[in-house]
Amino acid sequence: MSKKQQRRAKAAAVIPGLQQEVPPDATRDTASEVQSDLQSDLQATDRAGDKNMIHADIRGVLIQLAGARLLLPNATIAEVLSYAPPEPVEAAPDWLLGKIRWRGWQLPLVAFAELAGVGKEPAGLGSKVVVLKALGGNAKAPYFAILSQGFPRLVTVSQEGLVPDTDSAELPLGVQSRVLMNEDTAFVPDLGAVEALITDALAQAA
């Protein structure tokens, strides 16, 4: 196997985490957008060298946190909002900043850096709120939000430029994998695990 094919094989283990299936939206105005994103994001091209190797370019979003960056598939992003102080949730953990109102929903707002234990997440001027489509299929909680330090950045992720980080350090809470993207480190979050943590935290705070 050539070095090029080896890089593709390594990236193939990471990219499925960026191709998580998004459930039907609770709001009709974003359904066509999600379908369009998935069709364009997951198109496979260039079966070069090995017939089992598929070179797939994925449109992703980089979210800047305090001391780290998250890499997410574009199709999971519902909207990006300016930050406004959330409504506090009594007895919630520090990483659960509260709830925000969005399109008739009350969404939990998560400071992911604090949840993962990689930094203290300041909120204020310049901060953004990234609304994500939940993957758990809970019709009562189809969305949640993450605090971002600045506006998220759209990126194109290829198997050529995305490889697993060989750092042997234990992965932080809520992180599925650590990757190198054009020599920069980013976390691919485990959205299912994050949703479960949110559900548990809200249940304990109730």
C-alpha atoms as a PDB file:
ATOM      1  CA  MET A   1       0.000   0.000   0.000  1.00  0.00           C
ATOM      2  CA  SER A   2       1.415   3.392  -0.966  1.00  0.00           C
ATOM      3  CA  LYS A   3       1.869   6.233   1.539  1.00  0.00           C
ATOM      4  CA  LYS A   4      -1.026   8.043  -0.118  1.00  0.00           C
ATOM      5  CA  GLN A   5      -3.293   5.040   0.374  1.00  0.00           C
ATOM      6  CA  GLN A   6      -2.102   4.664   3.991  1.00  0.00           C
ATOM      7  CA  ARG A   7      -3.063   8.279   4.708  1.00  0.00           C
ATOM      8  CA  ARG A   8      -6.495   7.646   3.199  1.00  0.00           C
ATOM      9  CA  ALA A   9      -6.941   4.523   5.296  1.00  0.00           C
ATOM     10  CA  LYS A  10      -6.124   6.408   8.500  1.00  0.00           C
ATOM     11  CA  ALA A  11      -8.473   9.240   7.625  1.00  0.00           C
ATOM     12  CA  ALA A  12     -11.250   6.797   6.749  1.00  0.00           C
ATOM     13  CA  ALA A  13     -11.359   5.833  10.421  1.00  0.00           C
ATOM     14  CA  VAL A  14     -11.925   9.463  11.376  1.00  0.00           C
ATOM     15  CA  ILE A  15     -14.232  10.792   8.663  1.00  0.00           C
ATOM     16  CA  PRO A  16     -17.202   8.542   9.586  1.00  0.00           C
ATOM     17  CA  GLY A  17     -17.391  10.577  12.784  1.00  0.00           C
ATOM     18  CA  LEU A  18     -17.996  13.595  10.571  1.00  0.00           C
ATOM     19  CA  GLN A  19     -20.690  11.789   8.591  1.00  0.00           C
ATOM     20  CA  GLN A  20     -23.118  11.195  11.443  1.00  0.00           C
ATOM     21  CA  GLU A  21     -26.697  10.835  10.304  1.00  0.00           C
ATOM     22  CA  VAL A  22     -28.854  13.823  11.140  1.00  0.00           C
ATOM     23  CA  PRO A  23     -32.457  12.982  12.115  1.00  0.00           C
ATOM     24  CA  PRO A  24     -35.420  14.764  10.509  1.00  0.00           C
ATOM     25  CA  ASP A  25     -35.659  18.356  11.652  1.00  0.00           C
ATOM     26  CA  ALA A  26     -38.392  19.525  13.961  1.00  0.00           C
ATOM     27  CA  THR A  27     -38.720  22.676  11.840  1.00  0.00           C
ATOM     28  CA  ARG A  28     -39.597  22.386   8.150  1.00  0.00           C
ATOM     29  CA  ASP A  29     -37.583  25.427   7.105  1.00  0.00           C
ATOM     30  CA  THR A  30     -34.243  23.667   7.666  1.00  0.00           C
ATOM     31  CA  ALA A  31     -35.109  20.222   6.262  1.00  0.00           C
ATOM     32  CA  SER A  32     -34.207  21.021   2.660  1.00  0.00           C
ATOM     33  CA  GLU A  33     -30.979  22.645   3.826  1.00  0.00           C
ATOM     34  CA  VAL A  34     -29.939  19.501   5.694  1.00  0.00           C
ATOM     35  CA  GLN A  35     -30.734  17.275   2.724  1.00  0.00           C
ATOM     36  CA  SER A  36     -28.725  19.510   0.422  1.00  0.00           C
ATOM     37  CA  ASP A  37     -25.786  19.594   2.834  1.00  0.00           C
ATOM     38  CA  LEU A  38     -25.716  15.826   3.201  1.00  0.00           C
ATOM     39  CA  GLN A  39     -25.867  15.262  -0.532  1.00  0.00           C
ATOM     40  CA  SER A  40     -22.971  17.604  -1.197  1.00  0.00           C
ATOM     41  CA  ASP A  41     -20.947  16.722   1.906  1.00  0.00           C
ATOM     42  CA  LEU A  42     -20.993  12.958   1.459  1.00  0.00           C
ATOM     43  CA  GLN A  43     -20.342  12.675  -2.246  1.00  0.00           C
ATOM     44  CA  ALA A  44     -17.569  10.171  -3.004  1.00  0.00           C
ATOM     45  CA  THR A  45     -15.062  10.832  -5.746  1.00  0.00           C
ATOM     46  CA  ASP A  46     -11.690   9.666  -7.079  1.00  0.00           C
ATOM     47  CA  ARG A  47     -11.389   5.902  -6.534  1.00  0.00           C
ATOM     48  CA  ALA A  48      -7.654   6.144  -7.205  1.00  0.00           C
ATOM     49  CA  GLY A  49      -5.315   3.200  -6.625  1.00  0.00           C
ATOM     50  CA  ASP A  50      -7.400   0.934  -4.400  1.00  0.00           C
ATOM     51  CA  LYS A  51     -11.015   0.223  -5.373  1.00  0.00           C
ATOM     52  CA  ASN A  52     -11.925   0.014  -1.683  1.00  0.00           C
ATOM     53  CA  MET A  53     -10.494   3.463  -0.960  1.00  0.00           C
ATOM     54  CA  ILE A  54     -12.920   6.339  -1.460  1.00  0.00           C
ATOM     55  CA  HIS A  55     -11.693   9.889  -1.404  1.00  0.00           C
ATOM     56  CA  ALA A  56     -14.500  11.939   0.132  1.00  0.00           C
ATOM     57  CA  ASP A  57     -14.421  15.663   0.752  1.00  0.00           C
ATOM     58  CA  ILE A  58     -16.570  16.727   3.687  1.00  0.00           C
ATOM     59  CA  ARG A  59     -17.659  20.266   4.358  1.00  0.00           C
ATOM     60  CA  GLY A  60     -16.940  20.871   8.017  1.00  0.00           C
ATOM     61  CA  VAL A  61     -17.113  23.642  10.582  1.00  0.00           C
ATOM     62  CA  LEU A  62     -14.340  24.577  12.998  1.00  0.00           C
ATOM     63  CA  ILE A  63     -15.602  25.917  16.314  1.00  0.00           C
ATOM     64  CA  GLN A  64     -13.056  27.776  18.425  1.00  0.00           C
ATOM     65  CA  LEU A  65     -13.194  26.993  22.138  1.00  0.00           C
ATOM     66  CA  ALA A  66     -11.029  28.116  25.028  1.00  0.00           C
ATOM     67  CA  GLY A  67      -7.815  26.212  24.373  1.00  0.00           C
ATOM     68  CA  ALA A  68      -9.177  23.856  21.713  1.00  0.00           C
ATOM     69  CA  ARG A  69     -11.138  23.586  18.469  1.00  0.00           C
ATOM     70  CA  LEU A  70     -14.061  21.372  17.521  1.00  0.00           C
ATOM     71  CA  LEU A  71     -14.525  19.934  14.054  1.00  0.00           C
ATOM     72  CA  LEU A  72     -18.130  19.205  13.113  1.00  0.00           C
ATOM     73  CA  PRO A  73     -19.949  18.266   9.907  1.00  0.00           C
ATOM     74  CA  ASN A  74     -21.668  21.257   8.352  1.00  0.00           C
ATOM     75  CA  ALA A  75     -24.990  19.400   8.304  1.00  0.00           C
ATOM     76  CA  THR A  76     -25.207  19.370  12.108  1.00  0.00           C
ATOM     77  CA  ILE A  77     -25.213  23.187  12.351  1.00  0.00           C
ATOM     78  CA  ALA A  78     -28.687  24.705  12.542  1.00  0.00           C
ATOM     79  CA  GLU A  79     -27.772  28.354  13.142  1.00  0.00           C
ATOM     80  CA  VAL A  80     -25.128  30.635  14.652  1.00  0.00           C
ATOM     81  CA  LEU A  81     -26.324  33.330  17.058  1.00  0.00           C
ATOM     82  CA  SER A  82     -24.805  36.253  18.902  1.00  0.00           C
ATOM     83  CA  TYR A  83     -24.268  35.463  22.554  1.00  0.00           C
ATOM     84  CA  ALA A  84     -26.794  36.620  25.136  1.00  0.00           C
ATOM     85  CA  PRO A  85     -26.753  35.514  28.785  1.00  0.00           C
ATOM     86  CA  PRO A  86     -28.758  32.285  29.133  1.00  0.00           C
ATOM     87  CA  GLU A  87     -31.443  31.586  31.682  1.00  0.00           C
ATOM     88  CA  PRO A  88     -29.644  29.787  34.558  1.00  0.00           C
ATOM     89  CA  VAL A  89     -30.449  26.180  35.441  1.00  0.00           C
ATOM     90  CA  GLU A  90     -30.365  25.741  39.197  1.00  0.00           C
ATOM     91  CA  ALA A  91     -27.908  23.130  40.508  1.00  0.00           C
ATOM     92  CA  ALA A  92     -26.521  22.469  37.014  1.00  0.00           C
ATOM     93  CA  PRO A  93     -22.812  21.684  36.489  1.00  0.00           C
ATOM     94  CA  ASP A  94     -20.532  24.581  35.538  1.00  0.00           C
ATOM     95  CA  TRP A  95     -20.351  23.472  31.897  1.00  0.00           C
ATOM     96  CA  LEU A  96     -24.136  23.761  31.519  1.00  0.00           C
ATOM     97  CA  LEU A  97     -24.418  27.532  31.299  1.00  0.00           C
ATOM     98  CA  GLY A  98     -28.219  27.604  31.194  1.00  0.00           C
ATOM     99  CA  LYS A  99     -30.938  27.657  28.568  1.00  0.00           C
ATOM    100  CA  ILE A 100     -31.541  29.963  25.626  1.00  0.00           C
ATOM    101  CA  ARG A 101     -34.742  30.596  23.684  1.00  0.00           C
ATOM    102  CA  TRP A 102     -34.618  29.805  19.970  1.00  0.00           C
ATOM    103  CA  ARG A 103     -37.547  29.381  17.577  1.00  0.00           C
ATOM    104  CA  GLY A 104     -39.905  28.393  20.351  1.00  0.00           C
ATOM    105  CA  TRP A 105     -37.454  25.943  21.949  1.00  0.00           C
ATOM    106  CA  GLN A 106     -35.511  26.218  25.174  1.00  0.00           C
ATOM    107  CA  LEU A 107     -32.031  24.921  24.364  1.00  0.00           C
ATOM    108  CA  PRO A 108     -29.330  23.918  26.856  1.00  0.00           C
ATOM    109  CA  LEU A 109     -26.161  25.964  26.290  1.00  0.00           C
ATOM    110  CA  VAL A 110     -22.942  24.022  26.816  1.00  0.00           C
ATOM    111  CA  ALA A 111     -19.433  25.333  27.486  1.00  0.00           C
ATOM    112  CA  PHE A 112     -17.693  22.417  25.783  1.00  0.00           C
ATOM    113  CA  ALA A 113     -14.186  23.362  26.926  1.00  0.00           C
ATOM    114  CA  GLU A 114     -15.330  23.155  30.541  1.00  0.00           C
ATOM    115  CA  LEU A 115     -17.211  19.899  29.956  1.00  0.00           C
ATOM    116  CA  ALA A 116     -14.084  18.375  28.418  1.00  0.00           C
ATOM    117  CA  GLY A 117     -11.827  19.870  31.073  1.00  0.00           C
ATOM    118  CA  VAL A 118      -9.559  21.658  28.591  1.00  0.00           C
ATOM    119  CA  GLY A 119     -10.182  25.251  29.643  1.00  0.00           C
ATOM    120  CA  LYS A 120     -12.385  27.866  31.268  1.00  0.00           C
ATOM    121  CA  GLU A 121     -14.896  29.120  28.707  1.00  0.00           C
ATOM    122  CA  PRO A 122     -15.414  32.888  28.918  1.00  0.00           C
ATOM    123  CA  ALA A 123     -18.632  34.324  27.527  1.00  0.00           C
ATOM    124  CA  GLY A 124     -19.037  37.902  26.445  1.00  0.00           C
ATOM    125  CA  LEU A 125     -18.448  40.332  23.606  1.00  0.00           C
ATOM    126  CA  GLY A 126     -17.467  38.395  20.498  1.00  0.00           C
ATOM    127  CA  SER A 127     -18.787  35.061  21.735  1.00  0.00           C
ATOM    128  CA  LYS A 128     -21.211  33.133  19.541  1.00  0.00           C
ATOM    129  CA  VAL A 129     -23.791  30.434  20.185  1.00  0.00           C
ATOM    130  CA  VAL A 130     -23.784  27.507  17.755  1.00  0.00           C
ATOM    131  CA  VAL A 131     -27.117  25.679  17.601  1.00  0.00           C
ATOM    132  CA  LEU A 132     -26.624  22.000  16.775  1.00  0.00           C
ATOM    133  CA  LYS A 133     -29.074  19.381  15.547  1.00  0.00           C
ATOM    134  CA  ALA A 134     -29.249  16.623  18.152  1.00  0.00           C
ATOM    135  CA  LEU A 135     -28.605  13.082  16.932  1.00  0.00           C
ATOM    136  CA  GLY A 136     -30.385  11.171  19.679  1.00  0.00           C
ATOM    137  CA  GLY A 137     -33.825  11.244  18.073  1.00  0.00           C
ATOM    138  CA  ASN A 138     -35.530  12.790  21.102  1.00  0.00           C
ATOM    139  CA  ALA A 139     -38.445  14.784  19.670  1.00  0.00           C
ATOM    140  CA  LYS A 140     -38.594  16.863  22.865  1.00  0.00           C
ATOM    141  CA  ALA A 141     -34.935  17.865  22.593  1.00  0.00           C
ATOM    142  CA  PRO A 142     -34.032  18.117  18.898  1.00  0.00           C
ATOM    143  CA  TYR A 143     -31.371  20.790  19.414  1.00  0.00           C
ATOM    144  CA  PHE A 144     -28.731  21.988  21.855  1.00  0.00           C
ATOM    145  CA  ALA A 145     -26.190  24.795  21.723  1.00  0.00           C
ATOM    146  CA  ILE A 146     -22.445  25.215  22.217  1.00  0.00           C
ATOM    147  CA  LEU A 147     -20.600  28.388  23.175  1.00  0.00           C
ATOM    148  CA  SER A 148     -18.006  29.469  20.615  1.00  0.00           C
ATOM    149  CA  GLN A 149     -15.187  31.990  20.880  1.00  0.00           C
ATOM    150  CA  GLY A 150     -15.880  33.898  17.706  1.00  0.00           C
ATOM    151  CA  PHE A 151     -17.679  32.925  14.534  1.00  0.00           C
ATOM    152  CA  PRO A 152     -17.235  29.288  13.386  1.00  0.00           C
ATOM    153  CA  ARG A 153     -15.166  28.773  10.241  1.00  0.00           C
ATOM    154  CA  LEU A 154     -16.227  26.682   7.253  1.00  0.00           C
ATOM    155  CA  VAL A 155     -13.572  24.235   6.059  1.00  0.00           C
ATOM    156  CA  THR A 156     -13.302  21.472   3.451  1.00  0.00           C
ATOM    157  CA  VAL A 157     -12.005  18.265   4.990  1.00  0.00           C
ATOM    158  CA  SER A 158     -10.374  15.613   2.809  1.00  0.00           C
ATOM    159  CA  GLN A 159      -8.873  12.235   3.586  1.00  0.00           C
ATOM    160  CA  GLU A 160      -5.593  13.655   2.370  1.00  0.00           C
ATOM    161  CA  GLY A 161      -5.538  16.454   4.916  1.00  0.00           C
ATOM    162  CA  LEU A 162      -7.180  14.731   7.896  1.00  0.00           C
ATOM    163  CA  VAL A 163      -5.322  12.126   9.971  1.00  0.00           C
ATOM    164  CA  PRO A 164      -5.709  10.834  13.535  1.00  0.00           C
ATOM    165  CA  ASP A 165      -3.464  12.518  16.102  1.00  0.00           C
ATOM    166  CA  THR A 166      -1.080   9.901  17.516  1.00  0.00           C
ATOM    167  CA  ASP A 167      -0.904  11.673  20.873  1.00  0.00           C
ATOM    168  CA  SER A 168      -1.300   8.919  23.476  1.00  0.00           C
ATOM    169  CA  ALA A 169      -3.002  11.213  25.983  1.00  0.00           C
ATOM    170  CA  GLU A 170      -6.459  10.136  27.114  1.00  0.00           C
ATOM    171  CA  LEU A 171      -9.279  11.747  25.181  1.00  0.00           C
ATOM    172  CA  PRO A 172     -11.229  14.402  27.085  1.00  0.00           C
ATOM    173  CA  LEU A 173     -14.831  13.830  28.109  1.00  0.00           C
ATOM    174  CA  GLY A 174     -17.231  14.221  25.187  1.00  0.00           C
ATOM    175  CA  VAL A 175     -14.520  13.774  22.549  1.00  0.00           C
ATOM    176  CA  GLN A 176     -14.689  10.974  19.991  1.00  0.00           C
ATOM    177  CA  SER A 177     -11.255  11.521  18.467  1.00  0.00           C
ATOM    178  CA  ARG A 178      -8.352  13.921  18.173  1.00  0.00           C
ATOM    179  CA  VAL A 179      -7.282  14.730  14.617  1.00  0.00           C
ATOM    180  CA  LEU A 180      -4.657  16.655  12.726  1.00  0.00           C
ATOM    181  CA  MET A 181      -6.064  18.798   9.953  1.00  0.00           C
ATOM    182  CA  ASN A 182      -3.380  20.460   7.880  1.00  0.00           C
ATOM    183  CA  GLU A 183      -1.073  20.124  10.910  1.00  0.00           C
ATOM    184  CA  ASP A 184      -3.554  21.804  13.266  1.00  0.00           C
ATOM    185  CA  THR A 185      -5.136  19.801  16.083  1.00  0.00           C
ATOM    186  CA  ALA A 186      -8.910  19.579  16.503  1.00  0.00           C
ATOM    187  CA  PHE A 187     -11.377  17.481  18.464  1.00  0.00           C
ATOM    188  CA  VAL A 188     -14.190  15.542  16.832  1.00  0.00           C
ATOM    189  CA  PRO A 189     -16.913  15.576  19.521  1.00  0.00           C
ATOM    190  CA  ASP A 190     -18.990  12.583  20.510  1.00  0.00           C
ATOM    191  CA  LEU A 191     -22.345  14.312  20.113  1.00  0.00           C
ATOM    192  CA  GLY A 192     -24.296  11.324  21.399  1.00  0.00           C
ATOM    193  CA  ALA A 193     -22.272  11.297  24.614  1.00  0.00           C
ATOM    194  CA  VAL A 194     -22.680  15.059  25.008  1.00  0.00           C
ATOM    195  CA  GLU A 195     -26.448  14.776  24.588  1.00  0.00           C
ATOM    196  CA  ALA A 196     -26.534  12.032  27.241  1.00  0.00           C
ATOM    197  CA  LEU A 197     -24.544  14.221  29.645  1.00  0.00           C
ATOM    198  CA  ILE A 198     -26.941  17.120  29.045  1.00  0.00           C
ATOM    199  CA  THR A 199     -29.961  14.889  29.658  1.00  0.00           C
ATOM    200  CA  ASP A 200     -28.474  13.569  32.921  1.00  0.00           C
ATOM    201  CA  ALA A 201     -27.509  17.048  34.105  1.00  0.00           C
ATOM    202  CA  LEU A 202     -30.981  18.465  33.459  1.00  0.00           C
ATOM    203  CA  ALA A 203     -32.615  15.473  35.170  1.00  0.00           C
ATOM    204  CA  GLN A 204     -30.453  15.917  38.274  1.00  0.00           C
ATOM    205  CA  ALA A 205     -31.093  19.661  38.335  1.00  0.00           C
ATOM    206  CA  ALA A 206     -34.875  19.232  38.063  1.00  0.00           C
END
